[in-house]
Structure formats: structure tokens, C-alpha cells
Amino acid sequence: MARSARFWHNYGNDSRNGARMRPAEFSADAIVTLLRKQTIASLPEVMAALGTRARRTAFRKLKDVAARTSYSHRGRYYTLDELVDFDARGLWAFGGVRFSRAGTLIATAESFVNQAQAGHFGEELDNLLHVGVQDALRKLVRDRRLTRHQLAGQFLYCATDPAHQALQLRARRLSLATPGLVRPLPDAELMPAELRAAIVLFASLLDERQRRLFAGLESLKCGWGGDRRVATLLGIDPSTVATGGRELVEHDVEVDRVRRAGGGRKSTEKKRRKSSPASKP
């Protein structure tokens, strides 16, 4: 059979059996049901719920329900706005997966820098967003959506608007000139031996709880990768550092009590002097 004849023959068969040509229908309700059940879901989970192996179909249905993409984990997770409870900064996390009112990591980093009174160093954004942001910041600068300026050996990221940028630079310079908290600890191998020894000695003089909180504070100041950096310096487990940081962030610290319950010197009551037999009535 000639090619054109085969085409019209197949076309006639397909037109008579239209049901066989009709594309499969997938309901976005399946995504809503899945997300309401488990709050967040990955793309493979969404595809399984829809009963499709086509990523394009899954993306189209996610768009239909206005699903929100995570800014962490390379945007691999989705949720619904009705399930999100953003904090004052526009951030929300579930099971270690993080979402932002601004959307993607690039959009979130841009929003945070533009809203910052004194711009942001990269390490500050790492700490605030709990993910590495260097790639996103480089892209934002390359696309001229942010500017960067070298201050105190670091790049400060600022807005592109000249007036706003000038205010951010001025505020940051004033902040750097004002005594305050020390900078994040550098890597142990980059730290002078005398300073490293002094920090380790200081930490050894703290009790277990104080050492954990000190390590957690330094990790928070370091940002992304801080747990491992501080753990290496102090010779403790990274999970201990993470616990200290979490206690500080969640204010899970008993500030009114320095010692543990039952600690310290035992209280003693003043003993009464035994009366002599002569004094008894």
C-alpha cells in the first residue's frame, strides 16, 4: 500500500475509533488530595498520584492547582498555599524542606537583599535561608538584578537602585565600624595557631551545656556548613553543634538556671545547739 493510502486508511480507522485517539485525562484533584495528606510531595510522587509518567503533564497539573515550589532541595518539592504558614520573613519549613513567599531561591535571595537595610553578605544569607546561596547570588549579579561590593574581605550584595544601594552601603560601613559580635569563625586550617588554641582552651573550660550552646552560636554565625566547621575546630560531634544551634534558635534554653537541677553545693540548715542537761526543766 502506498504511503498516502496508508495514511488515509489509518486516519479513517482512528476517526472511527475516536476513543482510542482521545488523550488520557488526569485530574488535578489527585495532587490536592496527595498534598493535603502529606503536606509536601516530590515530582515522582505527584506523577504517581496522577497515574502518569509524563513530567510535562505533572507540571501542567501542578500549575493548575497553583502549587508552590520549594527553594531548597533544588526545587524538588511542592506544597499548597493553604498548607503554608509563613513567618514574618516570608519563610516556612516542613521536614527540612524550605519554602518562601517569594518563590525560588533566586527570587528569595533577591528579595532578602533588596529589603535589607544594610545589604547582605553571602554568609548572612546562608544563615538566614539555611541553604547555600552563592550560585544564586552570582547569577543575580550577572543578570544585573543585584550589585556587589567588597567590604572587609567579603562581598556585600546590595540593590541595583543607586539611592537604595548608597543607603545600604552607608549602613553597612557604620555597622562594621561599631563594636559588636565577632565575625564567624574561619576554617580551622586558616586560623592562626594561637587563636585556635585559645578558642579550644576556652571551650574546654565550659560545662557540657555551655559548650554546646557556644558551638551552636558560632555555627549560626558561620551559616551553611557551620556545624561541621565548628565541630572540627572544637573536636566535638556535628550533631552536638546542631543541637546547640537549634536550642538557641527555638529559645529552648533555661536562661534563669545556670546549674542543672540538683547541681551546686547542698543546702545546709543551721543546727540547733543541743541544750545541756542542766538547762532542761
Protein backbone atom coordinates (compact mmCIF):
# COMPACT_ATOMS: atom_id res chain seq x y z
CA MET A 1 0.00 0.00 0.00
CA ALA A 2 1.36 3.43 -0.94
CA ARG A 3 2.34 5.83 1.87
CA SER A 4 -0.52 8.28 1.25
CA ALA A 5 -3.01 5.43 1.04
CA ARG A 6 -1.77 4.01 4.36
CA PHE A 7 -2.16 7.45 5.96
CA TRP A 8 -5.79 7.85 4.89
CA HIS A 9 -6.53 4.24 5.81
CA ASN A 10 -5.16 4.75 9.34
CA TYR A 11 -6.85 8.13 9.64
CA GLY A 12 -10.19 6.54 8.80
CA ASN A 13 -9.68 3.80 11.39
CA ASP A 14 -8.67 6.34 14.04
CA SER A 15 -11.60 8.60 13.29
CA ARG A 16 -13.98 5.65 13.62
CA ASN A 17 -12.36 4.75 16.93
CA GLY A 18 -12.06 8.20 18.42
CA ALA A 19 -11.89 6.86 21.95
CA ARG A 20 -8.57 5.27 21.11
CA MET A 21 -7.15 8.62 19.97
CA ARG A 22 -8.54 10.66 22.86
CA PRO A 23 -5.71 11.67 25.25
CA ALA A 24 -5.89 10.35 28.78
CA GLU A 25 -7.46 12.72 31.26
CA PHE A 26 -5.70 13.42 34.55
CA SER A 27 -7.42 15.17 37.42
CA ALA A 28 -5.54 17.80 39.39
CA ASP A 29 -7.67 16.78 42.36
CA ALA A 30 -5.29 13.87 42.84
CA ILE A 31 -2.49 16.36 43.59
CA VAL A 32 -4.62 18.25 46.09
CA THR A 33 -5.53 15.01 47.85
CA LEU A 34 -1.87 13.92 47.98
CA LEU A 35 -0.61 17.25 49.37
CA ARG A 36 -3.37 17.55 51.94
CA LYS A 37 -2.43 14.08 53.14
CA GLN A 38 1.34 14.53 53.41
CA THR A 39 1.80 18.36 53.16
CA ILE A 40 4.69 18.21 50.66
CA ALA A 41 5.47 15.90 47.75
CA SER A 42 8.22 15.35 45.19
CA LEU A 43 7.62 15.28 41.45
CA PRO A 44 7.76 11.44 41.24
CA GLU A 45 5.12 11.28 43.98
CA VAL A 46 2.93 13.74 42.08
CA MET A 47 3.31 11.72 38.87
CA ALA A 48 2.39 8.52 40.72
CA ALA A 49 -0.70 10.17 42.19
CA LEU A 50 -1.78 11.34 38.73
CA GLY A 51 -1.04 7.96 37.18
CA THR A 52 1.26 9.40 34.51
CA ARG A 53 4.89 9.02 33.51
CA ALA A 54 4.89 12.33 31.64
CA ARG A 55 6.68 15.12 33.52
CA ARG A 56 5.00 17.69 31.28
CA THR A 57 1.58 16.50 32.37
CA ALA A 58 2.59 16.68 36.05
CA PHE A 59 3.95 20.21 35.65
CA ARG A 60 0.76 21.31 33.90
CA LYS A 61 -1.43 19.93 36.67
CA LEU A 62 0.79 21.44 39.39
CA LYS A 63 0.27 24.78 37.68
CA ASP A 64 -3.49 24.20 37.65
CA VAL A 65 -3.57 23.92 41.46
CA ALA A 66 -1.07 26.80 41.91
CA ALA A 67 1.36 24.51 43.76
CA ARG A 68 4.30 26.24 45.41
CA THR A 69 7.86 25.03 44.74
CA SER A 70 10.48 24.66 47.48
CA TYR A 71 13.50 26.93 47.32
CA SER A 72 15.65 24.28 48.99
CA HIS A 73 16.47 20.82 47.57
CA ARG A 74 16.75 22.40 44.09
CA GLY A 75 13.00 22.97 43.92
CA ARG A 76 12.16 19.26 44.02
CA TYR A 77 9.20 19.56 46.42
CA TYR A 78 5.74 21.07 46.15
CA THR A 79 3.01 22.17 48.51
CA LEU A 80 -0.24 24.17 48.52
CA ASP A 81 -0.58 27.73 49.74
CA GLU A 82 -3.43 26.65 52.01
CA LEU A 83 -0.98 24.43 53.93
CA VAL A 84 1.78 27.04 54.35
CA ASP A 85 2.29 29.18 57.45
CA PHE A 86 4.93 31.75 56.53
CA ASP A 87 6.82 33.54 59.29
CA ALA A 88 7.40 37.30 59.41
CA ARG A 89 10.26 36.92 56.90
CA GLY A 90 8.09 35.02 54.43
CA LEU A 91 9.73 31.65 55.10
CA TRP A 92 8.30 28.26 56.08
CA ALA A 93 9.85 24.82 56.51
CA PHE A 94 8.44 21.32 56.71
CA GLY A 95 10.61 18.31 57.46
CA GLY A 96 13.75 20.20 56.45
CA VAL A 97 12.27 21.32 53.13
CA ARG A 98 12.02 25.11 52.86
CA PHE A 99 9.55 27.35 51.07
CA SER A 100 9.43 31.09 50.53
CA ARG A 101 6.69 33.57 49.78
CA ALA A 102 8.99 34.92 47.07
CA GLY A 103 9.19 31.51 45.36
CA THR A 104 12.51 30.18 44.07
CA LEU A 105 15.89 30.51 45.78
CA ILE A 106 16.97 33.18 43.30
CA ALA A 107 13.81 35.22 43.87
CA THR A 108 14.11 34.78 47.64
CA ALA A 109 17.76 35.88 47.75
CA GLU A 110 16.93 38.92 45.62
CA SER A 111 14.02 39.85 47.88
CA PHE A 112 16.08 39.50 51.06
CA VAL A 113 18.90 41.67 49.72
CA ASN A 114 16.57 44.37 48.47
CA GLN A 115 14.73 44.53 51.79
CA ALA A 116 17.89 44.52 53.93
CA GLN A 117 18.77 47.85 55.49
CA ALA A 118 22.49 47.18 55.11
CA GLY A 119 22.53 44.66 52.26
CA HIS A 120 23.73 41.12 52.94
CA PHE A 121 26.96 39.20 52.94
CA GLY A 122 26.69 35.75 51.40
CA GLU A 123 27.28 34.02 54.74
CA GLU A 124 24.44 36.00 56.30
CA LEU A 125 22.03 34.77 53.64
CA ASP A 126 23.31 31.20 54.06
CA ASN A 127 22.40 31.51 57.73
CA LEU A 128 19.01 33.14 57.16
CA LEU A 129 17.87 30.77 54.41
CA HIS A 130 19.65 27.62 55.68
CA VAL A 131 20.91 26.80 52.18
CA GLY A 132 23.94 27.79 50.15
CA VAL A 133 23.17 30.90 48.10
CA GLN A 134 26.47 31.67 46.35
CA ASP A 135 25.39 30.35 42.94
CA ALA A 136 22.12 32.25 43.15
CA LEU A 137 23.88 35.48 44.12
CA ARG A 138 26.38 35.16 41.28
CA LYS A 139 23.53 34.73 38.80
CA LEU A 140 21.67 37.73 40.23
CA VAL A 141 24.78 39.90 39.86
CA ARG A 142 25.44 38.58 36.37
CA ASP A 143 21.85 39.37 35.36
CA ARG A 144 22.18 42.85 36.93
CA ARG A 145 19.42 42.21 39.42
CA LEU A 146 21.81 42.83 42.34
CA THR A 147 25.14 44.57 42.81
CA ARG A 148 28.08 43.54 44.95
CA HIS A 149 30.83 45.49 46.71
CA GLN A 150 33.90 44.21 48.51
CA LEU A 151 33.92 45.21 52.18
CA ALA A 152 36.06 43.76 54.97
CA GLY A 153 37.30 40.98 52.74
CA GLN A 154 33.80 39.85 51.73
CA PHE A 155 31.30 40.66 49.00
CA LEU A 156 28.33 42.71 50.18
CA TYR A 157 25.26 42.27 47.99
CA CYS A 158 23.05 45.33 47.51
CA ALA A 159 20.13 46.61 45.48
CA THR A 160 20.57 47.96 41.95
CA ASP A 161 18.71 51.20 42.60
CA PRO A 162 21.51 53.79 43.13
CA ALA A 163 19.83 55.61 46.02
CA HIS A 164 18.88 52.42 47.86
CA GLN A 165 22.32 50.95 47.21
CA ALA A 166 24.05 54.02 48.67
CA LEU A 167 21.94 53.79 51.85
CA GLN A 168 22.74 50.08 52.23
CA LEU A 169 26.48 50.68 51.82
CA ARG A 170 26.42 53.53 54.32
CA ALA A 171 24.51 51.47 56.89
CA ARG A 172 26.89 48.54 56.49
CA ARG A 173 30.01 50.70 56.86
CA LEU A 174 28.58 52.18 60.05
CA SER A 175 27.81 48.69 61.31
CA LEU A 176 31.34 47.47 60.59
CA ALA A 177 32.78 50.47 62.42
CA THR A 178 30.66 49.79 65.52
CA PRO A 179 31.97 47.30 68.10
CA GLY A 180 29.77 44.24 68.32
CA LEU A 181 29.73 40.49 67.91
CA VAL A 182 32.82 38.97 66.36
CA ARG A 183 32.76 37.65 62.84
CA PRO A 184 32.11 33.98 62.06
CA LEU A 185 34.99 31.65 62.85
CA PRO A 186 37.19 30.92 59.82
CA ASP A 187 38.12 27.38 58.91
CA ALA A 188 40.43 25.79 61.47
CA GLU A 189 43.26 25.38 58.96
CA LEU A 190 43.11 29.09 58.10
CA MET A 191 43.09 30.24 61.72
CA PRO A 192 46.33 31.30 63.46
CA ALA A 193 47.56 28.56 65.77
CA GLU A 194 47.46 30.83 68.82
CA LEU A 195 43.83 31.80 68.21
CA ARG A 196 42.81 28.21 67.56
CA ALA A 197 44.44 27.06 70.79
CA ALA A 198 42.81 29.87 72.76
CA ILE A 199 39.33 29.01 71.45
CA VAL A 200 39.77 25.31 72.18
CA LEU A 201 41.02 26.11 75.69
CA PHE A 202 38.09 28.43 76.33
CA ALA A 203 35.59 25.80 75.19
CA SER A 204 37.23 23.19 77.44
CA LEU A 205 36.52 25.39 80.47
CA LEU A 206 32.77 25.38 79.78
CA ASP A 207 30.40 22.73 81.05
CA GLU A 208 28.67 20.41 78.59
CA ARG A 209 25.61 22.62 78.11
CA GLN A 210 27.58 25.86 77.76
CA ARG A 211 29.97 24.24 75.29
CA ARG A 212 27.03 23.03 73.19
CA LEU A 213 25.41 26.48 73.13
CA PHE A 214 28.73 28.21 72.36
CA ALA A 215 29.31 25.82 69.46
CA GLY A 216 25.75 26.34 68.23
CA LEU A 217 26.12 30.13 68.30
CA GLU A 218 29.35 30.02 66.29
CA SER A 219 27.74 27.66 63.80
CA LEU A 220 24.79 30.01 63.30
CA LYS A 221 27.20 32.85 62.63
CA CYS A 222 29.08 30.72 60.09
CA GLY A 223 25.94 29.80 58.16
CA TRP A 224 25.93 26.92 55.67
CA GLY A 225 28.40 24.22 56.74
CA GLY A 226 28.92 25.81 60.15
CA ASP A 227 28.11 22.66 62.14
CA ARG A 228 30.97 20.75 60.55
CA ARG A 229 33.38 23.70 60.71
CA VAL A 230 32.84 24.31 64.43
CA ALA A 231 32.79 20.59 65.25
CA THR A 232 36.17 20.16 63.56
CA LEU A 233 37.64 23.09 65.48
CA LEU A 234 36.35 22.03 68.91
CA GLY A 235 36.68 18.28 68.40
CA ILE A 236 33.01 17.50 69.07
CA ASP A 237 30.25 15.79 67.13
CA PRO A 238 28.46 17.91 64.47
CA SER A 239 25.10 16.75 65.85
CA THR A 240 26.02 18.33 69.20
CA VAL A 241 26.72 21.62 67.42
CA ALA A 242 23.41 21.37 65.55
CA THR A 243 21.55 20.74 68.80
CA GLY A 244 23.07 23.84 70.39
CA GLY A 245 22.13 25.98 67.42
CA ARG A 246 18.59 24.62 67.40
CA GLU A 247 18.19 25.34 71.13
CA LEU A 248 19.25 28.95 70.57
CA VAL A 249 17.02 29.49 67.53
CA GLU A 250 13.99 27.96 69.24
CA HIS A 251 14.80 29.74 72.56
CA ASP A 252 14.86 26.31 74.18
CA VAL A 253 17.31 27.48 76.85
CA GLU A 254 16.62 27.82 80.55
CA VAL A 255 18.16 31.24 80.98
CA ASP A 256 17.09 31.54 84.63
CA ARG A 257 19.06 28.49 85.69
CA VAL A 258 22.81 28.18 85.29
CA ARG A 259 23.23 24.84 87.01
CA ARG A 260 21.27 21.72 86.32
CA ALA A 261 18.60 20.75 88.81
CA GLY A 262 20.31 19.25 91.82
CA GLY A 263 23.64 20.82 90.96
CA GLY A 264 25.76 23.03 93.15
CA ARG A 265 26.51 22.78 96.86
CA LYS A 266 23.94 21.06 99.00
CA SER A 267 21.95 23.41 101.19
CA THR A 268 22.53 23.04 104.89
CA GLU A 269 20.32 24.05 107.75
CA LYS A 270 21.77 25.66 110.83
CA LYS A 271 21.83 23.03 113.51
CA ARG A 272 20.42 23.86 116.88
CA ARG A 273 22.81 23.63 119.79
CA LYS A 274 21.91 20.76 121.99
CA SER A 275 20.90 22.02 125.40
CA SER A 276 22.84 20.77 128.39
CA PRO A 277 21.12 18.57 130.97
CA ALA A 278 21.33 21.44 133.42
CA SER A 279 19.28 23.65 131.23
CA LYS A 280 16.43 21.20 130.94
CA PRO A 281 13.47 21.94 133.22
